[in-house]
Amino acid sequence: MALTGRTALVSALGALFVGFVLPSWLGILTVQLALLIAILCDLALAAPVRKLHFTRTGDTTVRLADEAHTHLTVTNPSRRTLRAQIRDAWPPSSFRPGSDFPASRHTVRIPAAERRRLTTTLHPTRRGDHHAVRVTVRSYGPLGLAARQGSRHVPWTLRVLPPFTSRKHLPAKLARLRELDGRTSILTRGEGTEFDSLRDYTPGDDTRSIDWRATARRQNLAVRTWRPERDRRILLVLETGRTSAGRVGDIPRLDASMDAALLLGALAARAGDRVDLLAYDRRIRASVQGRTARDLLPALTDAMAPLESELVEADARGLAATIHRRTPRRSLIVLFTGLDAAPVEEALLPVLPSLTQRNELIVAAVADPRIEEMAAGRHTPQAVYAAAAAEQTHAARRRTADRLRHHGITVIDSTPARLAPDLADAYLTLKSAGRL
C-alpha cells in the first residue's frame, strides 16, 4: 500500500476542524480513525495491479540518433476502474539526457474490461540492444489517498543500428562508378581489364586501344573499351581491440570505422563485387558472408550494431590466419585499425607478407582532428608546446604509414568526417587501375 500527499493534507485539516469541538486527544483519535477508514476504503476500491495484462508492439530497430516508438497495451480485466501512474522503464541510454522522467511515465484511467495503449518515445544515444527493464504500476483509489503498487517484466528489445552518416556521399561515388563503367556520356571511357565493346576512334583516345583487326573489317578506326572487373571479393575487417576504443571527438574510433565500412560495402555491392565482414580482436566478434547485394547493407548494420571494443591487444597472427581461411582466392582486404607505432611494428608488420602475397590490402585508420587544430596553434606559449606535440604525433604516424606503404599497402589516414569518402575513392582508384 502506498500513501499519498493528499492523506497528510486530509489529516491536518481534520485535526484543525475537530480541535475546536472535542478535547485534543479525542479529536486526534477521531481524525485518525476517520482517515484510516477512508484510506482502507480507498485502497479497497483501487483496481488490483496483479490482474493487469500487458502486451508490447512497436519498433524493433532504429538508427542511432533517430526516434523509436514502443507501444505498451494495458488491459484492465477487473470490475474496478484503473486510475494509475505507469512507468515504462528503459536503460538511461535509451533517452535523451535528462528526458527519462517525462518520456517513460504515463497517467491513465482505464474503465473495467477495457484497454489503453501507451506510447513511449525512445531516443537512443548508444548502439546495441536496448532491453525494456520493467513496468511499474501505481493504482490509486477514487479519493487518491492510497494506492496499490507492483512491477511486471514485459520483455522487448530495440536494436540500435549504426547511423550511417556517410550515406550522403553514396550518390557522388556511384556517379564516379558509372563513369568508370562507361555508362555516362563522357569523353573518357571507363578503364579496367575486362573487354566491354568497340566504338569509333575520337581524337584524344589512347592509340594503344585501337583494335586493328576490327579497323580492317570496318574500314575506319575502332578502339576497344574496357570496364572495371566485377564479381571481385572484398573483405572488410574491423579490428575491435583496445586501439578501437579510443574516442575521437564525440564517437569511438570503432564507430567511425563502421561508418566507412558501410559506405564501402554499399558502393562495392553496387559495383557487382562480393563483400564480407569480419570483426576480430582475439576471436571472431561478428561475421557476414555470402550475402546478395540487396541483403548486404541490412546484414552489415545488424552485425555491427552490438559490437563493442574489447580492452585487449588484438591477436595479429590469429587475425591473419582467419583472413586466410576467409579468402581462398585473391581479394581486396580492408583492415580498419590504428596507426600506433608499437602495435603495428610489433604485431602487424610480421604478418604482412602472408597477407599481401596474394591479396590487395588497404589499411584504414581514424585520425584525430584535434591534432590538426593543435598543430595550427601558435598564439600562446602553451599553444606552441601543444603544436610541437601534435607535429611529433604526425611524424610518428607518417613513419608508420610509410613502413606499411613500403610493403605495397594502401594507407588511408583520415579524420572521421573524411575517412569514408577517402576510402571509397581509394577503392574506385584500385578498381579503375585493374588492381582488384
Protein backbone atom coordinates (compact mmCIF):
# COMPACT_ATOMS: atom_id res chain seq x y z
CA MET A 1 0.00 0.00 0.00
CA ALA A 2 1.28 3.49 -0.83
CA LEU A 3 0.02 6.62 0.98
CA THR A 4 -0.14 9.91 -0.90
CA GLY A 5 0.42 13.56 -0.01
CA ARG A 6 -3.35 14.02 -0.05
CA THR A 7 -3.54 11.76 3.02
CA ALA A 8 -1.40 14.11 5.12
CA LEU A 9 -3.44 17.12 3.94
CA VAL A 10 -6.76 15.48 4.94
CA SER A 11 -5.31 14.55 8.34
CA ALA A 12 -4.17 18.12 9.04
CA LEU A 13 -7.48 19.67 8.01
CA GLY A 14 -9.44 17.15 10.10
CA ALA A 15 -7.33 17.83 13.19
CA LEU A 16 -7.80 21.57 12.76
CA PHE A 17 -11.59 21.17 12.43
CA VAL A 18 -12.23 18.96 15.45
CA GLY A 19 -9.73 20.78 17.67
CA PHE A 20 -12.36 23.44 18.38
CA VAL A 21 -15.14 20.96 19.17
CA LEU A 22 -13.63 17.99 21.03
CA PRO A 23 -10.82 17.60 23.54
CA SER A 24 -7.46 17.42 21.84
CA TRP A 25 -6.79 13.72 22.47
CA LEU A 26 -10.29 12.71 21.43
CA GLY A 27 -10.21 14.93 18.35
CA ILE A 28 -6.92 13.48 17.17
CA LEU A 29 -8.17 9.96 17.74
CA THR A 30 -11.35 10.70 15.80
CA VAL A 31 -9.46 12.18 12.85
CA GLN A 32 -7.03 9.29 12.71
CA LEU A 33 -9.85 6.77 12.85
CA ALA A 34 -11.76 8.55 10.08
CA LEU A 35 -8.64 8.84 7.98
CA LEU A 36 -7.84 5.16 8.47
CA ILE A 37 -11.34 4.19 7.38
CA ALA A 38 -11.07 6.47 4.33
CA ILE A 39 -7.68 5.02 3.40
CA LEU A 40 -8.91 1.44 3.74
CA CYS A 41 -11.99 2.17 1.66
CA ASP A 42 -9.92 3.97 -0.96
CA LEU A 43 -7.46 1.10 -1.06
CA ALA A 44 -10.24 -1.45 -1.38
CA LEU A 45 -11.70 0.42 -4.35
CA ALA A 46 -8.34 0.72 -6.15
CA ALA A 47 -8.05 -1.61 -9.15
CA PRO A 48 -5.74 -4.59 -8.47
CA VAL A 49 -2.32 -4.46 -10.13
CA ARG A 50 -1.66 -8.18 -10.34
CA LYS A 51 -4.60 -8.82 -12.65
CA LEU A 52 -3.47 -6.33 -15.30
CA HIS A 53 -2.40 -7.71 -18.68
CA PHE A 54 0.44 -6.16 -20.72
CA THR A 55 1.45 -6.61 -24.35
CA ARG A 56 4.06 -4.78 -26.41
CA THR A 57 4.33 -3.72 -30.05
CA GLY A 58 6.36 -1.12 -31.88
CA ASP A 59 9.78 -0.60 -33.42
CA THR A 60 12.42 -3.29 -33.11
CA THR A 61 15.25 -1.48 -34.91
CA VAL A 62 16.25 2.15 -35.23
CA ARG A 63 19.33 4.03 -36.38
CA LEU A 64 21.36 5.83 -33.77
CA ALA A 65 20.08 9.39 -33.14
CA ASP A 66 16.67 8.60 -34.66
CA GLU A 67 13.47 8.19 -32.66
CA ALA A 68 11.77 4.88 -31.95
CA HIS A 69 8.26 4.26 -30.59
CA THR A 70 7.29 1.33 -28.41
CA HIS A 71 3.66 0.69 -27.52
CA LEU A 72 2.51 -0.85 -24.25
CA THR A 73 -1.10 -2.07 -24.22
CA VAL A 74 -2.59 -2.26 -20.72
CA THR A 75 -5.75 -4.35 -20.25
CA ASN A 76 -7.85 -3.95 -17.09
CA PRO A 77 -9.84 -7.21 -16.62
CA SER A 78 -11.16 -6.29 -13.15
CA ARG A 79 -14.53 -4.74 -12.26
CA ARG A 80 -12.97 -1.52 -11.00
CA THR A 81 -11.71 1.49 -12.91
CA LEU A 82 -7.94 1.72 -13.03
CA ARG A 83 -6.60 5.14 -12.06
CA ALA A 84 -2.87 4.78 -12.25
CA GLN A 85 0.56 6.16 -12.93
CA ILE A 86 2.59 3.78 -15.10
CA ARG A 87 6.33 3.91 -15.65
CA ASP A 88 7.71 2.04 -18.66
CA ALA A 89 11.37 1.83 -17.59
CA TRP A 90 14.24 1.55 -20.09
CA PRO A 91 18.02 2.00 -19.68
CA PRO A 92 19.11 5.67 -19.38
CA SER A 93 20.91 5.47 -22.75
CA SER A 94 17.53 4.90 -24.40
CA PHE A 95 16.53 8.54 -23.82
CA ARG A 96 17.92 11.96 -24.48
CA PRO A 97 19.92 13.21 -21.48
CA GLY A 98 17.51 14.47 -18.80
CA SER A 99 14.34 13.27 -20.57
CA ASP A 100 13.81 9.91 -18.83
CA PHE A 101 11.15 11.20 -16.38
CA PRO A 102 8.54 12.64 -18.82
CA ALA A 103 9.25 10.15 -21.60
CA SER A 104 8.62 6.95 -19.67
CA ARG A 105 5.76 7.93 -17.29
CA HIS A 106 2.09 7.86 -18.16
CA THR A 107 -1.10 8.77 -16.25
CA VAL A 108 -4.06 6.63 -17.30
CA ARG A 109 -7.70 5.97 -16.47
CA ILE A 110 -8.93 2.62 -17.78
CA PRO A 111 -12.55 1.58 -17.10
CA ALA A 112 -13.32 -2.03 -16.21
CA ALA A 113 -12.80 -4.58 -19.01
CA GLU A 114 -11.16 -2.01 -21.30
CA ARG A 115 -7.63 -1.39 -22.54
CA ARG A 116 -5.39 1.55 -23.40
CA ARG A 117 -2.25 1.81 -25.50
CA LEU A 118 0.63 3.86 -24.11
CA THR A 119 3.43 5.06 -26.37
CA THR A 120 6.96 5.58 -25.08
CA THR A 121 9.25 7.56 -27.36
CA LEU A 122 12.87 6.43 -27.23
CA HIS A 123 15.84 8.42 -28.49
CA PRO A 124 18.86 6.11 -28.04
CA THR A 125 22.31 7.60 -27.52
CA ARG A 126 24.25 4.33 -27.83
CA ARG A 127 24.39 1.49 -30.35
CA GLY A 128 23.45 -2.04 -29.44
CA ASP A 129 20.49 -3.88 -27.96
CA HIS A 130 18.32 -1.93 -25.52
CA HIS A 131 16.07 -4.11 -23.33
CA ALA A 132 12.96 -2.95 -21.51
CA VAL A 133 13.59 -3.06 -17.75
CA ARG A 134 10.18 -3.26 -16.06
CA VAL A 135 6.69 -1.79 -15.99
CA THR A 136 5.71 -0.28 -12.64
CA VAL A 137 2.05 0.50 -11.92
CA ARG A 138 0.70 2.58 -9.03
CA SER A 139 -3.08 2.11 -8.89
CA TYR A 140 -4.98 4.80 -6.91
CA GLY A 141 -8.37 4.63 -5.28
CA PRO A 142 -11.16 7.13 -6.16
CA LEU A 143 -10.08 9.52 -3.37
CA GLY A 144 -6.39 9.33 -4.21
CA LEU A 145 -5.47 8.70 -0.55
CA ALA A 146 -3.80 5.31 -1.04
CA ALA A 147 -2.54 3.17 -3.90
CA ARG A 148 -1.51 -0.36 -4.78
CA GLN A 149 1.88 -0.74 -6.48
CA GLY A 150 3.50 -3.54 -8.38
CA SER A 151 6.04 -4.21 -11.13
CA ARG A 152 6.00 -6.56 -14.08
CA HIS A 153 8.67 -7.57 -16.58
CA VAL A 154 7.30 -7.13 -20.11
CA PRO A 155 10.18 -8.04 -22.45
CA TRP A 156 11.03 -6.05 -25.55
CA THR A 157 14.33 -5.43 -27.37
CA LEU A 158 15.21 -2.46 -29.52
CA ARG A 159 18.33 -2.87 -31.66
CA VAL A 160 20.06 0.45 -32.31
CA LEU A 161 21.94 0.36 -35.62
CA PRO A 162 24.94 2.46 -36.69
CA PRO A 163 23.77 5.84 -38.02
CA PHE A 164 25.48 5.50 -41.47
CA THR A 165 26.01 9.25 -41.77
CA SER A 166 28.36 8.73 -44.73
CA ARG A 167 25.48 7.61 -46.97
CA LYS A 168 25.29 11.24 -48.13
CA HIS A 169 28.47 10.53 -50.13
CA LEU A 170 26.99 7.49 -51.90
CA PRO A 171 25.35 9.31 -54.88
CA ALA A 172 28.63 11.04 -55.81
CA LYS A 173 30.61 7.79 -55.56
CA LEU A 174 28.02 5.93 -57.61
CA ALA A 175 28.25 8.63 -60.28
CA ARG A 176 32.01 8.10 -60.47
CA LEU A 177 31.46 4.35 -60.62
CA ARG A 178 29.14 4.82 -63.60
CA GLU A 179 31.87 6.86 -65.29
CA LEU A 180 34.32 4.02 -64.77
CA ASP A 181 31.82 1.60 -66.25
CA GLY A 182 31.45 3.86 -69.29
CA ARG A 183 27.73 4.25 -68.75
CA THR A 184 27.69 8.05 -68.94
CA SER A 185 28.21 10.44 -71.83
CA ILE A 186 31.78 11.50 -71.12
CA LEU A 187 34.80 11.82 -73.37
CA THR A 188 36.92 9.30 -71.49
CA ARG A 189 35.52 5.80 -71.40
CA GLY A 190 35.77 3.52 -68.40
CA GLU A 191 39.12 1.89 -67.72
CA GLY A 192 39.68 -1.62 -66.48
CA THR A 193 40.86 -5.03 -67.61
CA GLU A 194 37.64 -6.63 -68.92
CA PHE A 195 36.71 -6.02 -72.56
CA ASP A 196 33.44 -4.11 -72.96
CA SER A 197 32.78 -3.05 -76.55
CA LEU A 198 34.12 -1.42 -79.73
CA ARG A 199 33.47 2.13 -80.84
CA ASP A 200 34.77 4.63 -83.35
CA TYR A 201 38.02 6.40 -82.62
CA THR A 202 37.75 10.01 -81.42
CA PRO A 203 40.59 12.49 -81.05
CA GLY A 204 42.25 12.11 -77.66
CA ASP A 205 41.77 8.35 -77.37
CA ASP A 206 44.77 6.25 -76.38
CA THR A 207 46.21 4.80 -79.57
CA ARG A 208 47.08 1.61 -77.71
CA SER A 209 43.34 0.89 -77.52
CA ILE A 210 42.96 0.71 -81.33
CA ASP A 211 41.75 -2.71 -82.48
CA TRP A 212 43.48 -3.13 -85.86
CA ARG A 213 41.55 -6.25 -86.88
CA ALA A 214 38.22 -4.55 -86.26
CA THR A 215 39.53 -1.47 -88.07
CA ALA A 216 40.34 -3.57 -91.14
CA ARG A 217 36.85 -5.04 -91.18
CA ARG A 218 35.07 -1.74 -90.58
CA GLN A 219 37.38 0.42 -92.76
CA ASN A 220 37.53 3.06 -90.01
CA LEU A 221 39.46 3.27 -86.78
CA ALA A 222 37.87 1.24 -83.97
CA VAL A 223 39.00 1.30 -80.36
CA ARG A 224 38.41 -1.20 -77.58
CA THR A 225 36.65 -0.01 -74.41
CA TRP A 226 37.12 -1.66 -71.06
CA ARG A 227 35.12 -1.85 -67.89
CA PRO A 228 36.24 -2.49 -64.33
CA GLU A 229 36.23 -6.08 -63.16
CA ARG A 230 33.14 -7.39 -61.46
CA ASP A 231 32.49 -10.21 -59.04
CA ARG A 232 35.65 -9.42 -57.04
CA ARG A 233 35.88 -10.35 -53.38
CA ILE A 234 36.20 -7.71 -50.68
CA LEU A 235 36.72 -8.49 -47.01
CA LEU A 236 36.06 -5.70 -44.51
CA VAL A 237 38.00 -6.38 -41.30
CA LEU A 238 37.15 -4.41 -38.16
CA GLU A 239 39.85 -4.71 -35.51
CA THR A 240 37.94 -4.47 -32.22
CA GLY A 241 40.89 -4.43 -29.82
CA ARG A 242 41.80 -1.66 -27.39
CA THR A 243 43.00 0.77 -30.08
CA SER A 244 39.46 0.93 -31.49
CA ALA A 245 38.07 2.06 -28.13
CA GLY A 246 39.70 5.50 -28.18
CA ARG A 247 37.28 8.37 -28.69
CA VAL A 248 37.83 10.89 -31.47
CA GLY A 249 35.59 13.86 -30.87
CA ASP A 250 32.23 12.50 -29.72
CA ILE A 251 32.49 8.96 -31.10
CA PRO A 252 34.77 5.93 -30.64
CA ARG A 253 37.18 5.05 -33.42
CA LEU A 254 35.24 1.83 -33.94
CA ASP A 255 32.08 3.78 -34.86
CA ALA A 256 33.94 5.89 -37.42
CA SER A 257 35.37 2.70 -38.94
CA MET A 258 31.89 1.18 -39.11
CA ASP A 259 30.59 4.20 -40.98
CA ALA A 260 33.37 3.95 -43.56
CA ALA A 261 32.82 0.19 -43.90
CA LEU A 262 29.11 0.70 -44.60
CA LEU A 263 29.79 3.21 -47.37
CA LEU A 264 32.41 0.98 -48.99
CA GLY A 265 30.15 -2.06 -48.67
CA ALA A 266 27.20 -0.28 -50.29
CA LEU A 267 29.42 1.03 -53.12
CA ALA A 268 31.12 -2.29 -53.80
CA ALA A 269 27.80 -4.13 -53.84
CA ARG A 270 26.51 -1.72 -56.47
CA ALA A 271 29.69 -2.35 -58.45
CA GLY A 272 28.92 -6.07 -58.59
CA ASP A 273 31.58 -7.19 -56.08
CA ARG A 274 31.09 -9.66 -53.23
CA VAL A 275 31.52 -8.12 -49.79
CA ASP A 276 32.09 -9.96 -46.50
CA LEU A 277 32.65 -8.65 -42.98
CA LEU A 278 34.88 -9.84 -40.15
CA ALA A 279 35.19 -8.26 -36.69
CA TYR A 280 38.10 -9.64 -34.68
CA ASP A 281 40.35 -8.99 -31.68
CA ARG A 282 41.30 -12.32 -30.14
CA ARG A 283 38.28 -14.13 -31.50
CA ILE A 284 35.58 -13.50 -34.08
CA ARG A 285 33.10 -10.94 -32.78
CA ALA A 286 30.92 -10.61 -35.89
CA SER A 287 30.80 -12.13 -39.36
CA VAL A 288 28.83 -11.62 -42.57
CA GLN A 289 29.35 -13.91 -45.54
CA GLY A 290 27.72 -14.73 -48.83
CA ARG A 291 25.02 -12.05 -48.87
CA THR A 292 23.47 -10.72 -52.05
CA ALA A 293 23.74 -7.07 -52.98
CA ARG A 294 20.18 -6.45 -51.81
CA ASP A 295 20.68 -8.10 -48.41
CA LEU A 296 24.21 -6.87 -47.75
CA LEU A 297 23.60 -3.47 -46.16
CA PRO A 298 20.93 -4.69 -43.68
CA ALA A 299 23.18 -7.62 -42.77
CA LEU A 300 26.18 -5.35 -42.18
CA THR A 301 24.29 -2.88 -40.00
CA ASP A 302 22.68 -5.66 -37.98
CA ALA A 303 26.03 -7.38 -37.37
CA MET A 304 27.76 -4.13 -36.41
CA ALA A 305 25.05 -2.88 -34.04
CA PRO A 306 26.05 -4.84 -30.88
CA LEU A 307 29.82 -4.58 -31.46
CA GLU A 308 31.88 -3.03 -28.68
CA SER A 309 35.62 -2.57 -28.37
CA GLU A 310 37.44 -5.06 -26.14
CA LEU A 311 40.19 -3.69 -23.91
CA VAL A 312 42.72 -6.29 -25.07
CA GLU A 313 45.56 -6.35 -27.57
CA ALA A 314 44.43 -7.75 -30.88
CA ASP A 315 45.94 -11.07 -31.92
CA ALA A 316 47.53 -10.24 -35.29
CA ARG A 317 48.57 -13.81 -36.06
CA GLY A 318 45.12 -15.14 -35.27
CA LEU A 319 43.61 -12.41 -37.43
CA ALA A 320 45.90 -13.28 -40.35
CA ALA A 321 45.02 -16.96 -40.07
CA THR A 322 41.31 -16.15 -40.01
CA ILE A 323 41.67 -13.92 -43.08
CA HIS A 324 43.45 -16.71 -44.96
CA ARG A 325 40.57 -19.07 -44.25
CA ARG A 326 38.07 -16.47 -45.45
CA THR A 327 39.91 -15.58 -48.68
CA PRO A 328 40.69 -18.74 -50.69
CA ARG A 329 41.20 -16.57 -53.80
CA ARG A 330 42.65 -13.13 -54.45
CA SER A 331 40.69 -10.46 -52.59
CA LEU A 332 40.76 -6.87 -51.50
CA ILE A 333 41.23 -6.77 -47.72
CA VAL A 334 40.31 -3.53 -45.96
CA LEU A 335 41.71 -3.54 -42.43
CA PHE A 336 40.31 -0.91 -40.05
CA THR A 337 42.92 -0.49 -37.33
CA GLY A 338 45.13 2.13 -35.70
CA LEU A 339 48.47 3.60 -36.76
CA ASP A 340 50.07 3.50 -33.33
CA ALA A 341 53.71 2.57 -33.86
CA ALA A 342 54.03 -0.17 -31.23
CA PRO A 343 51.03 -2.37 -32.23
CA VAL A 344 51.81 -2.03 -35.94
CA GLU A 345 55.53 -2.71 -35.71
CA GLU A 346 55.35 -5.50 -33.14
CA ALA A 347 52.18 -7.29 -34.24
CA LEU A 348 51.03 -6.30 -37.75
CA LEU A 349 54.26 -5.94 -39.72
CA PRO A 350 55.44 -9.53 -39.11
CA VAL A 351 52.26 -10.99 -40.66
CA LEU A 352 52.01 -8.57 -43.60
CA PRO A 353 53.95 -10.67 -46.13
CA SER A 354 51.45 -13.52 -45.77
CA LEU A 355 48.53 -11.10 -46.27
CA THR A 356 49.92 -9.19 -49.25
CA GLN A 357 51.30 -12.19 -51.08
CA ARG A 358 48.06 -12.84 -52.96
CA ASN A 359 45.75 -10.04 -51.80
CA GLU A 360 45.42 -6.30 -52.21
CA LEU A 361 45.47 -4.65 -48.78
CA ILE A 362 44.15 -1.29 -47.56
CA VAL A 363 44.78 -0.11 -44.02
CA ALA A 364 42.21 2.48 -42.91
CA ALA A 365 42.92 4.45 -39.72
CA VAL A 366 40.98 7.18 -37.93
CA ALA A 367 42.97 10.38 -37.34
CA ASP A 368 42.12 12.81 -34.55
CA PRO A 369 41.07 16.24 -35.92
CA ARG A 370 42.08 17.77 -32.59
CA ILE A 371 45.71 17.04 -33.52
CA GLU A 372 45.26 19.18 -36.65
CA GLU A 373 43.88 22.02 -34.54
CA MET A 374 46.74 21.77 -32.06
CA ALA A 375 49.34 21.78 -34.84
CA ALA A 376 47.96 25.08 -36.16
CA GLY A 377 48.15 26.89 -32.80
CA ARG A 378 50.93 29.42 -32.22
CA HIS A 379 49.27 32.27 -30.31
CA THR A 380 50.44 31.42 -26.75
CA PRO A 381 53.42 29.56 -25.25
CA GLN A 382 51.09 26.74 -24.22
CA ALA A 383 49.77 26.51 -27.81
CA VAL A 384 53.34 26.32 -29.14
CA TYR A 385 54.09 23.34 -26.87
CA ALA A 386 50.83 21.71 -27.94
CA ALA A 387 51.70 22.30 -31.61
CA ALA A 388 55.10 20.67 -31.10
CA ALA A 389 53.44 17.62 -29.54
CA ALA A 390 50.97 17.46 -32.42
CA GLU A 391 53.76 17.60 -35.00
CA GLN A 392 55.57 14.82 -33.18
CA THR A 393 52.40 12.71 -33.32
CA HIS A 394 52.02 13.47 -37.04
CA ALA A 395 55.61 12.45 -37.71
CA ALA A 396 55.17 9.14 -35.88
CA ARG A 397 52.00 8.31 -37.84
CA ARG A 398 53.72 9.23 -41.14
CA ARG A 399 56.64 6.91 -40.34
CA THR A 400 54.26 4.07 -39.56
CA ALA A 401 52.25 4.72 -42.74
CA ASP A 402 55.43 4.82 -44.83
CA ARG A 403 56.52 1.44 -43.45
CA LEU A 404 53.17 -0.01 -44.47
CA ARG A 405 53.35 1.54 -47.93
CA HIS A 406 56.81 0.01 -48.32
CA HIS A 407 55.03 -3.37 -48.32
CA GLY A 408 52.71 -2.27 -51.13
CA ILE A 409 49.80 -1.42 -48.83
CA THR A 410 47.43 1.47 -49.47
CA VAL A 411 47.12 3.55 -46.29
CA ILE A 412 44.16 5.84 -45.57
CA ASP A 413 44.73 8.05 -42.51
CA SER A 414 41.78 10.45 -42.31
CA THR A 415 39.56 12.18 -39.78
CA PRO A 416 36.14 10.64 -39.03
CA ALA A 417 34.43 13.05 -41.43
CA ARG A 418 36.81 12.19 -44.29
CA LEU A 419 37.57 8.51 -43.72
CA ALA A 420 34.50 7.13 -45.53
CA PRO A 421 34.78 9.20 -48.75
CA ASP A 422 38.59 8.83 -48.87
CA LEU A 423 38.29 5.06 -48.55
CA ALA A 424 35.64 4.94 -51.28
CA ASP A 425 37.92 6.97 -53.57
CA ALA A 426 40.80 4.56 -52.91
CA TYR A 427 38.57 1.62 -53.82
CA LEU A 428 37.47 3.28 -57.06
CA THR A 429 41.10 4.10 -57.92
CA LEU A 430 42.14 0.47 -57.46
CA LYS A 431 39.16 -0.68 -59.48
CA SER A 432 39.86 1.67 -62.38
CA ALA A 433 43.51 0.57 -62.42
CA GLY A 434 42.53 -3.10 -62.58
CA ARG A 435 44.32 -3.96 -59.33
CA LEU A 436 41.46 -5.85 -57.66
